[in-house]
């Protein structure tokens, strides 16, 4: 009798850059098209911006700036920044949920780039922030906020916010991959985001804070981003804060993207 040996399957070919990009865009569209069938996915990006805008304007506006109108003109760019950073948490929570439920295990069985599902999710969630951003500006305009720089300033603010949020998403992804469940993601992420945003000049001028705190506020990346967006929307210095924001974004991406990809490969 002769024994027959079944040849081992050939290893999967490495996916090229162009194919990986197409697969990433396909999975990005897959995430975005779900909004058509389930508009409630935008609920978190709709309720929170409106709630924060109304609360900060009408509860703190008079006490901080003397009038709600003056405070709205100062604080809305900072609120936009805060919302963009907090919105990256949805990526971490959604990613953790998909991994826990085995969604990524099914995607791994397909002949696609291993990082395509991860990158597709990040890009889709960043694109969804456009809805929250324009909702902020629309309701702010109704309440009395006035853009002083025109269309070019708005487009510059949008581009800068999306670039920074995209870089920040890698840190959120790392949190989502390391946490055991979505509840842990919220605890870790909020413990990081809350101090970072509230120890900035997003909501109050820096000179109203204690001197020792101003040292940190001046170098806080949220402060740099808030100043840049404020300048792009209502006027003021733009170049310095914008360059600092882009450098912070590059640093975040360089540090956290490789760590997130390594954690993703280990987790899946």
C-alpha atoms as a PDB file:
ATOM      1  CA  UNK A   1       0.000   0.000   0.000  1.00  0.00           C
ATOM      2  CA  UNK A   2       1.152   3.496  -0.760  1.00  0.00           C
ATOM      3  CA  UNK A   3       0.238   6.504   1.267  1.00  0.00           C
ATOM      4  CA  UNK A   4      -0.644   9.715  -0.437  1.00  0.00           C
ATOM      5  CA  UNK A   5       0.283  13.010   1.136  1.00  0.00           C
ATOM      6  CA  UNK A   6      -1.877  16.023   0.560  1.00  0.00           C
ATOM      7  CA  UNK A   7       0.267  18.984  -0.434  1.00  0.00           C
ATOM      8  CA  UNK A   8       0.156  21.912   1.954  1.00  0.00           C
ATOM      9  CA  UNK A   9      -1.832  24.895   0.681  1.00  0.00           C
ATOM     10  CA  UNK A  10       0.218  27.597  -0.886  1.00  0.00           C
ATOM     11  CA  UNK A  11       0.704  30.616   1.335  1.00  0.00           C
ATOM     12  CA  UNK A  12      -1.515  33.579   0.509  1.00  0.00           C
ATOM     13  CA  UNK A  13       0.146  36.122  -1.695  1.00  0.00           C
ATOM     14  CA  UNK A  14       0.994  39.438  -0.161  1.00  0.00           C
ATOM     15  CA  UNK A  15      -1.554  42.097  -1.059  1.00  0.00           C
ATOM     16  CA  UNK A  16      -0.077  44.997  -3.020  1.00  0.00           C
ATOM     17  CA  UNK A  17      -0.439  48.627  -2.053  1.00  0.00           C
ATOM     18  CA  UNK A  18      -2.971  49.460  -4.767  1.00  0.00           C
ATOM     19  CA  UNK A  19      -5.107  46.422  -3.954  1.00  0.00           C
ATOM     20  CA  UNK A  20      -4.882  47.184  -0.232  1.00  0.00           C
ATOM     21  CA  UNK A  21      -5.997  50.762  -0.877  1.00  0.00           C
ATOM     22  CA  UNK A  22      -9.002  49.614  -2.919  1.00  0.00           C
ATOM     23  CA  UNK A  23      -9.960  47.135  -0.217  1.00  0.00           C
ATOM     24  CA  UNK A  24      -9.659  49.830   2.457  1.00  0.00           C
ATOM     25  CA  UNK A  25     -11.913  52.161   0.469  1.00  0.00           C
ATOM     26  CA  UNK A  26     -14.428  49.349  -0.054  1.00  0.00           C
ATOM     27  CA  UNK A  27     -14.630  48.692   3.672  1.00  0.00           C
ATOM     28  CA  UNK A  28     -14.820  52.437   4.308  1.00  0.00           C
ATOM     29  CA  UNK A  29     -17.831  52.642   2.018  1.00  0.00           C
ATOM     30  CA  UNK A  30     -19.319  49.579   3.712  1.00  0.00           C
ATOM     31  CA  UNK A  31     -19.267  51.453   7.020  1.00  0.00           C
ATOM     32  CA  UNK A  32     -20.639  54.668   5.551  1.00  0.00           C
ATOM     33  CA  UNK A  33     -23.449  53.116   3.531  1.00  0.00           C
ATOM     34  CA  UNK A  34     -24.895  51.602   6.700  1.00  0.00           C
ATOM     35  CA  UNK A  35     -26.063  55.103   7.645  1.00  0.00           C
ATOM     36  CA  UNK A  36     -28.564  54.936   4.777  1.00  0.00           C
ATOM     37  CA  UNK A  37     -30.225  51.904   6.317  1.00  0.00           C
ATOM     38  CA  UNK A  38     -29.686  52.913   9.944  1.00  0.00           C
ATOM     39  CA  UNK A  39     -29.637  56.724  10.375  1.00  0.00           C
ATOM     40  CA  UNK A  40     -29.536  56.253  14.148  1.00  0.00           C
ATOM     41  CA  UNK A  41     -25.779  55.686  13.763  1.00  0.00           C
ATOM     42  CA  UNK A  42     -25.452  59.463  13.539  1.00  0.00           C
ATOM     43  CA  UNK A  43     -27.361  59.975  16.790  1.00  0.00           C
ATOM     44  CA  UNK A  44     -24.237  60.133  18.947  1.00  0.00           C
ATOM     45  CA  UNK A  45     -22.692  62.637  16.542  1.00  0.00           C
ATOM     46  CA  UNK A  46     -25.858  64.746  16.613  1.00  0.00           C
ATOM     47  CA  UNK A  47     -27.086  64.839  20.213  1.00  0.00           C
ATOM     48  CA  UNK A  48     -23.764  65.422  21.964  1.00  0.00           C
ATOM     49  CA  UNK A  49     -22.696  68.453  19.860  1.00  0.00           C
ATOM     50  CA  UNK A  50     -26.056  70.170  20.335  1.00  0.00           C
ATOM     51  CA  UNK A  51     -26.121  69.397  24.056  1.00  0.00           C
ATOM     52  CA  UNK A  52     -22.612  70.715  24.717  1.00  0.00           C
ATOM     53  CA  UNK A  53     -23.203  73.803  22.593  1.00  0.00           C
ATOM     54  CA  UNK A  54     -26.400  74.760  24.407  1.00  0.00           C
ATOM     55  CA  UNK A  55     -25.092  73.949  27.891  1.00  0.00           C
ATOM     56  CA  UNK A  56     -21.791  75.800  27.574  1.00  0.00           C
ATOM     57  CA  UNK A  57     -23.371  78.815  25.882  1.00  0.00           C
ATOM     58  CA  UNK A  58     -26.332  79.384  28.175  1.00  0.00           C
ATOM     59  CA  UNK A  59     -24.970  78.014  31.474  1.00  0.00           C
ATOM     60  CA  UNK A  60     -21.382  79.310  31.430  1.00  0.00           C
ATOM     61  CA  UNK A  61     -21.513  82.060  28.795  1.00  0.00           C
ATOM     62  CA  UNK A  62     -22.794  84.877  30.956  1.00  0.00           C
ATOM     63  CA  UNK A  63     -20.503  84.061  33.887  1.00  0.00           C
ATOM     64  CA  UNK A  64     -17.339  83.757  31.781  1.00  0.00           C
ATOM     65  CA  UNK A  65     -17.726  86.375  29.048  1.00  0.00           C
ATOM     66  CA  UNK A  66     -20.505  88.608  30.353  1.00  0.00           C
ATOM     67  CA  UNK A  67     -22.913  87.627  27.582  1.00  0.00           C
ATOM     68  CA  UNK A  68     -23.845  84.448  25.778  1.00  0.00           C
ATOM     69  CA  UNK A  69     -23.129  86.027  22.398  1.00  0.00           C
ATOM     70  CA  UNK A  70     -19.548  86.969  23.235  1.00  0.00           C
ATOM     71  CA  UNK A  71     -18.875  83.589  24.800  1.00  0.00           C
ATOM     72  CA  UNK A  72     -20.347  81.727  21.821  1.00  0.00           C
ATOM     73  CA  UNK A  73     -18.032  83.611  19.487  1.00  0.00           C
ATOM     74  CA  UNK A  74     -15.031  82.546  21.580  1.00  0.00           C
ATOM     75  CA  UNK A  75     -16.042  79.034  22.644  1.00  0.00           C
ATOM     76  CA  UNK A  76     -17.635  77.489  19.550  1.00  0.00           C
ATOM     77  CA  UNK A  77     -14.277  76.740  17.839  1.00  0.00           C
ATOM     78  CA  UNK A  78     -13.102  75.102  21.079  1.00  0.00           C
ATOM     79  CA  UNK A  79     -16.302  73.078  21.332  1.00  0.00           C
ATOM     80  CA  UNK A  80     -15.802  71.930  17.742  1.00  0.00           C
ATOM     81  CA  UNK A  81     -12.310  70.725  18.658  1.00  0.00           C
ATOM     82  CA  UNK A  82     -13.543  68.948  21.781  1.00  0.00           C
ATOM     83  CA  UNK A  83     -16.292  67.193  19.853  1.00  0.00           C
ATOM     84  CA  UNK A  84     -13.877  66.075  17.122  1.00  0.00           C
ATOM     85  CA  UNK A  85     -11.553  64.499  19.683  1.00  0.00           C
ATOM     86  CA  UNK A  86     -14.337  62.852  21.662  1.00  0.00           C
ATOM     87  CA  UNK A  87     -15.814  61.500  18.429  1.00  0.00           C
ATOM     88  CA  UNK A  88     -12.668  59.412  17.922  1.00  0.00           C
ATOM     89  CA  UNK A  89     -13.845  57.349  20.897  1.00  0.00           C
ATOM     90  CA  UNK A  90     -16.620  55.903  18.733  1.00  0.00           C
ATOM     91  CA  UNK A  91     -13.885  54.295  16.638  1.00  0.00           C
ATOM     92  CA  UNK A  92     -12.367  52.644  19.711  1.00  0.00           C
ATOM     93  CA  UNK A  93     -15.732  51.435  21.023  1.00  0.00           C
ATOM     94  CA  UNK A  94     -16.949  50.219  17.630  1.00  0.00           C
ATOM     95  CA  UNK A  95     -13.673  48.450  16.910  1.00  0.00           C
ATOM     96  CA  UNK A  96     -13.692  46.719  20.288  1.00  0.00           C
ATOM     97  CA  UNK A  97     -17.297  45.636  19.745  1.00  0.00           C
ATOM     98  CA  UNK A  98     -16.581  44.243  16.261  1.00  0.00           C
ATOM     99  CA  UNK A  99     -13.590  42.264  17.516  1.00  0.00           C
ATOM    100  CA  UNK A 100     -15.512  40.944  20.512  1.00  0.00           C
ATOM    101  CA  UNK A 101     -18.383  39.800  18.273  1.00  0.00           C
ATOM    102  CA  UNK A 102     -16.048  38.106  15.784  1.00  0.00           C
ATOM    103  CA  UNK A 103     -16.632  40.477  12.855  1.00  0.00           C
ATOM    104  CA  UNK A 104     -12.912  40.777  12.170  1.00  0.00           C
ATOM    105  CA  UNK A 105     -12.495  37.000  12.311  1.00  0.00           C
ATOM    106  CA  UNK A 106     -14.857  36.727   9.351  1.00  0.00           C
ATOM    107  CA  UNK A 107     -13.047  39.488   7.474  1.00  0.00           C
ATOM    108  CA  UNK A 108      -9.716  37.688   8.008  1.00  0.00           C
ATOM    109  CA  UNK A 109     -11.023  34.735   5.973  1.00  0.00           C
ATOM    110  CA  UNK A 110     -11.161  37.003   2.900  1.00  0.00           C
ATOM    111  CA  UNK A 111      -8.140  37.537   0.633  1.00  0.00           C
ATOM    112  CA  UNK A 112      -7.684  41.160   1.668  1.00  0.00           C
ATOM    113  CA  UNK A 113      -4.983  43.202   3.362  1.00  0.00           C
ATOM    114  CA  UNK A 114      -4.997  42.506   7.087  1.00  0.00           C
ATOM    115  CA  UNK A 115      -5.021  46.200   7.935  1.00  0.00           C
ATOM    116  CA  UNK A 116      -7.822  47.093   5.490  1.00  0.00           C
ATOM    117  CA  UNK A 117     -10.669  46.544   8.011  1.00  0.00           C
ATOM    118  CA  UNK A 118      -8.859  48.666  10.587  1.00  0.00           C
ATOM    119  CA  UNK A 119      -8.002  51.509   8.222  1.00  0.00           C
ATOM    120  CA  UNK A 120     -11.457  51.385   6.652  1.00  0.00           C
ATOM    121  CA  UNK A 121     -13.109  51.810  10.038  1.00  0.00           C
ATOM    122  CA  UNK A 122     -10.867  54.745  10.966  1.00  0.00           C
ATOM    123  CA  UNK A 123     -11.448  56.594   7.687  1.00  0.00           C
ATOM    124  CA  UNK A 124     -15.217  56.031   7.802  1.00  0.00           C
ATOM    125  CA  UNK A 125     -15.536  57.294  11.368  1.00  0.00           C
ATOM    126  CA  UNK A 126     -13.407  60.330  10.534  1.00  0.00           C
ATOM    127  CA  UNK A 127     -15.644  61.107   7.547  1.00  0.00           C
ATOM    128  CA  UNK A 128     -18.725  60.903   9.784  1.00  0.00           C
ATOM    129  CA  UNK A 129     -17.323  63.789  11.780  1.00  0.00           C
ATOM    130  CA  UNK A 130     -18.163  66.088   8.884  1.00  0.00           C
ATOM    131  CA  UNK A 131     -21.810  65.758   9.876  1.00  0.00           C
ATOM    132  CA  UNK A 132     -21.137  66.826  13.471  1.00  0.00           C
ATOM    133  CA  UNK A 133     -18.873  69.678  12.354  1.00  0.00           C
ATOM    134  CA  UNK A 134     -21.399  71.249  10.015  1.00  0.00           C
ATOM    135  CA  UNK A 135     -24.163  70.630  12.543  1.00  0.00           C
ATOM    136  CA  UNK A 136     -22.102  72.602  15.058  1.00  0.00           C
ATOM    137  CA  UNK A 137     -21.602  75.479  12.640  1.00  0.00           C
ATOM    138  CA  UNK A 138     -25.232  75.476  11.531  1.00  0.00           C
ATOM    139  CA  UNK A 139     -26.734  75.579  15.017  1.00  0.00           C
ATOM    140  CA  UNK A 140     -24.049  77.997  16.169  1.00  0.00           C
ATOM    141  CA  UNK A 141     -25.020  80.364  13.351  1.00  0.00           C
ATOM    142  CA  UNK A 142     -28.659  80.171  14.448  1.00  0.00           C
ATOM    143  CA  UNK A 143     -27.618  81.023  18.016  1.00  0.00           C
ATOM    144  CA  UNK A 144     -25.544  83.993  16.876  1.00  0.00           C
ATOM    145  CA  UNK A 145     -22.080  82.741  15.932  1.00  0.00           C
ATOM    146  CA  UNK A 146     -20.605  84.531  12.935  1.00  0.00           C
ATOM    147  CA  UNK A 147     -17.774  83.275  10.735  1.00  0.00           C
ATOM    148  CA  UNK A 148     -15.403  86.150   9.954  1.00  0.00           C
ATOM    149  CA  UNK A 149     -13.052  84.546   7.448  1.00  0.00           C
ATOM    150  CA  UNK A 150     -15.265  83.209   4.646  1.00  0.00           C
ATOM    151  CA  UNK A 151     -15.341  79.882   2.857  1.00  0.00           C
ATOM    152  CA  UNK A 152     -11.552  79.476   2.723  1.00  0.00           C
ATOM    153  CA  UNK A 153     -11.317  79.705   6.501  1.00  0.00           C
ATOM    154  CA  UNK A 154     -14.072  77.142   6.999  1.00  0.00           C
ATOM    155  CA  UNK A 155     -12.475  74.692   4.579  1.00  0.00           C
ATOM    156  CA  UNK A 156      -9.101  75.146   6.252  1.00  0.00           C
ATOM    157  CA  UNK A 157     -10.616  74.503   9.682  1.00  0.00           C
ATOM    158  CA  UNK A 158     -12.380  71.384   8.407  1.00  0.00           C
ATOM    159  CA  UNK A 159      -9.196  70.013   6.821  1.00  0.00           C
ATOM    160  CA  UNK A 160      -7.124  70.684   9.939  1.00  0.00           C
ATOM    161  CA  UNK A 161      -9.713  69.117  12.254  1.00  0.00           C
ATOM    162  CA  UNK A 162     -10.038  65.982  10.132  1.00  0.00           C
ATOM    163  CA  UNK A 163      -6.258  65.594   9.868  1.00  0.00           C
ATOM    164  CA  UNK A 164      -5.817  65.884  13.631  1.00  0.00           C
ATOM    165  CA  UNK A 165      -8.790  63.609  14.352  1.00  0.00           C
ATOM    166  CA  UNK A 166      -7.413  61.000  11.963  1.00  0.00           C
ATOM    167  CA  UNK A 167      -4.088  61.009  13.808  1.00  0.00           C
ATOM    168  CA  UNK A 168      -5.826  60.949  17.190  1.00  0.00           C
ATOM    169  CA  UNK A 169      -7.877  57.963  16.054  1.00  0.00           C
ATOM    170  CA  UNK A 170      -4.780  55.767  16.168  1.00  0.00           C
ATOM    171  CA  UNK A 171      -4.482  56.360  19.911  1.00  0.00           C
ATOM    172  CA  UNK A 172      -8.174  55.581  20.343  1.00  0.00           C
ATOM    173  CA  UNK A 173      -7.733  52.423  18.270  1.00  0.00           C
ATOM    174  CA  UNK A 174      -4.905  51.288  20.525  1.00  0.00           C
ATOM    175  CA  UNK A 175      -7.161  51.774  23.544  1.00  0.00           C
ATOM    176  CA  UNK A 176      -9.960  49.862  21.817  1.00  0.00           C
ATOM    177  CA  UNK A 177      -7.665  46.958  21.027  1.00  0.00           C
ATOM    178  CA  UNK A 178      -6.123  46.737  24.481  1.00  0.00           C
ATOM    179  CA  UNK A 179      -9.370  46.990  26.457  1.00  0.00           C
ATOM    180  CA  UNK A 180     -11.288  43.781  27.153  1.00  0.00           C
ATOM    181  CA  UNK A 181     -14.767  45.197  26.523  1.00  0.00           C
ATOM    182  CA  UNK A 182     -16.467  48.446  25.378  1.00  0.00           C
ATOM    183  CA  UNK A 183     -17.089  49.551  28.969  1.00  0.00           C
ATOM    184  CA  UNK A 184     -13.371  49.506  29.687  1.00  0.00           C
ATOM    185  CA  UNK A 185     -12.789  51.499  26.497  1.00  0.00           C
ATOM    186  CA  UNK A 186     -15.044  54.280  27.767  1.00  0.00           C
ATOM    187  CA  UNK A 187     -13.339  54.367  31.163  1.00  0.00           C
ATOM    188  CA  UNK A 188      -9.804  54.537  29.762  1.00  0.00           C
ATOM    189  CA  UNK A 189     -10.623  56.952  26.946  1.00  0.00           C
ATOM    190  CA  UNK A 190     -12.626  59.415  29.016  1.00  0.00           C
ATOM    191  CA  UNK A 191      -9.953  59.396  31.713  1.00  0.00           C
ATOM    192  CA  UNK A 192      -7.522  60.578  29.032  1.00  0.00           C
ATOM    193  CA  UNK A 193      -9.705  62.897  26.936  1.00  0.00           C
ATOM    194  CA  UNK A 194     -11.395  64.848  29.723  1.00  0.00           C
ATOM    195  CA  UNK A 195      -8.225  66.252  31.345  1.00  0.00           C
ATOM    196  CA  UNK A 196      -6.658  66.877  27.941  1.00  0.00           C
ATOM    197  CA  UNK A 197      -9.554  68.988  26.643  1.00  0.00           C
ATOM    198  CA  UNK A 198     -10.442  70.801  29.861  1.00  0.00           C
ATOM    199  CA  UNK A 199      -6.841  71.844  30.607  1.00  0.00           C
ATOM    200  CA  UNK A 200      -6.761  73.873  27.397  1.00  0.00           C
ATOM    201  CA  UNK A 201      -8.075  77.221  26.239  1.00  0.00           C
ATOM    202  CA  UNK A 202     -10.907  75.606  24.313  1.00  0.00           C
ATOM    203  CA  UNK A 203     -13.519  76.959  26.740  1.00  0.00           C
ATOM    204  CA  UNK A 204     -11.852  79.777  28.698  1.00  0.00           C
ATOM    205  CA  UNK A 205      -8.911  82.133  28.011  1.00  0.00           C
ATOM    206  CA  UNK A 206      -5.558  80.959  29.267  1.00  0.00           C
ATOM    207  CA  UNK A 207      -4.910  84.111  31.323  1.00  0.00           C
ATOM    208  CA  UNK A 208      -7.827  83.275  33.643  1.00  0.00           C
ATOM    209  CA  UNK A 209      -6.018  80.157  34.914  1.00  0.00           C
ATOM    210  CA  UNK A 210      -3.333  79.815  37.618  1.00  0.00           C
ATOM    211  CA  UNK A 211       0.207  80.475  36.444  1.00  0.00           C
ATOM    212  CA  UNK A 212       1.400  76.919  36.998  1.00  0.00           C
ATOM    213  CA  UNK A 213      -1.450  75.592  34.865  1.00  0.00           C
ATOM    214  CA  UNK A 214      -0.840  78.096  32.066  1.00  0.00           C
ATOM    215  CA  UNK A 215       2.559  76.485  31.442  1.00  0.00           C
ATOM    216  CA  UNK A 216       0.855  73.237  30.439  1.00  0.00           C
ATOM    217  CA  UNK A 217      -2.065  74.923  28.678  1.00  0.00           C
ATOM    218  CA  UNK A 218       0.301  76.774  26.335  1.00  0.00           C
ATOM    219  CA  UNK A 219       1.867  73.515  25.073  1.00  0.00           C
ATOM    220  CA  UNK A 220      -1.297  71.402  25.199  1.00  0.00           C
ATOM    221  CA  UNK A 221      -2.049  70.112  21.663  1.00  0.00           C
ATOM    222  CA  UNK A 222      -5.748  70.852  22.206  1.00  0.00           C
ATOM    223  CA  UNK A 223      -4.867  74.507  22.850  1.00  0.00           C
ATOM    224  CA  UNK A 224      -2.866  74.683  19.633  1.00  0.00           C
ATOM    225  CA  UNK A 225      -5.705  73.128  17.657  1.00  0.00           C
ATOM    226  CA  UNK A 226      -8.339  75.364  19.268  1.00  0.00           C
ATOM    227  CA  UNK A 227      -6.268  78.478  18.511  1.00  0.00           C
ATOM    228  CA  UNK A 228      -5.798  77.405  14.907  1.00  0.00           C
ATOM    229  CA  UNK A 229      -9.495  76.679  14.370  1.00  0.00           C
ATOM    230  CA  UNK A 230     -10.439  79.928  16.137  1.00  0.00           C
ATOM    231  CA  UNK A 231      -8.132  81.858  13.850  1.00  0.00           C
ATOM    232  CA  UNK A 232      -9.476  80.131  10.747  1.00  0.00           C
ATOM    233  CA  UNK A 233     -13.100  80.839  11.679  1.00  0.00           C
ATOM    234  CA  UNK A 234     -13.093  84.248  13.361  1.00  0.00           C
ATOM    235  CA  UNK A 235      -9.640  85.647  12.638  1.00  0.00           C
ATOM    236  CA  UNK A 236      -6.348  85.814  14.504  1.00  0.00           C
ATOM    237  CA  UNK A 237      -3.042  83.985  14.328  1.00  0.00           C
ATOM    238  CA  UNK A 238      -3.256  80.845  12.211  1.00  0.00           C
ATOM    239  CA  UNK A 239       0.180  79.821  10.939  1.00  0.00           C
ATOM    240  CA  UNK A 240       1.856  79.121  14.296  1.00  0.00           C
ATOM    241  CA  UNK A 241      -0.981  77.146  15.922  1.00  0.00           C
ATOM    242  CA  UNK A 242      -1.752  75.301  12.682  1.00  0.00           C
ATOM    243  CA  UNK A 243       1.868  74.196  12.225  1.00  0.00           C
ATOM    244  CA  UNK A 244       2.034  73.089  15.872  1.00  0.00           C
ATOM    245  CA  UNK A 245      -1.207  71.133  15.432  1.00  0.00           C
ATOM    246  CA  UNK A 246       0.101  69.373  12.340  1.00  0.00           C
ATOM    247  CA  UNK A 247       3.355  68.508  14.120  1.00  0.00           C
ATOM    248  CA  UNK A 248       1.374  67.079  17.041  1.00  0.00           C
ATOM    249  CA  UNK A 249      -0.787  65.113  14.595  1.00  0.00           C
ATOM    250  CA  UNK A 250       2.300  63.706  12.856  1.00  0.00           C
ATOM    251  CA  UNK A 251       3.814  62.729  16.212  1.00  0.00           C
ATOM    252  CA  UNK A 252       0.616  60.992  17.314  1.00  0.00           C
ATOM    253  CA  UNK A 253       0.425  59.059  14.049  1.00  0.00           C
ATOM    254  CA  UNK A 254       4.098  58.064  14.098  1.00  0.00           C
ATOM    255  CA  UNK A 255       3.897  56.818  17.689  1.00  0.00           C
ATOM    256  CA  UNK A 256       0.468  55.223  17.893  1.00  0.00           C
ATOM    257  CA  UNK A 257      -0.161  53.897  14.349  1.00  0.00           C
ATOM    258  CA  UNK A 258       2.571  51.197  14.540  1.00  0.00           C
ATOM    259  CA  UNK A 259       1.516  50.286  18.082  1.00  0.00           C
ATOM    260  CA  UNK A 260      -2.130  50.034  17.020  1.00  0.00           C
ATOM    261  CA  UNK A 261      -1.324  47.887  13.966  1.00  0.00           C
ATOM    262  CA  UNK A 262       0.822  45.567  16.080  1.00  0.00           C
ATOM    263  CA  UNK A 263      -1.938  45.275  18.689  1.00  0.00           C
ATOM    264  CA  UNK A 264      -4.483  44.664  15.933  1.00  0.00           C
ATOM    265  CA  UNK A 265      -2.463  41.816  14.459  1.00  0.00           C
ATOM    266  CA  UNK A 266      -1.955  40.327  17.899  1.00  0.00           C
ATOM    267  CA  UNK A 267      -5.626  40.646  18.874  1.00  0.00           C
ATOM    268  CA  UNK A 268      -7.001  39.238  15.619  1.00  0.00           C
END
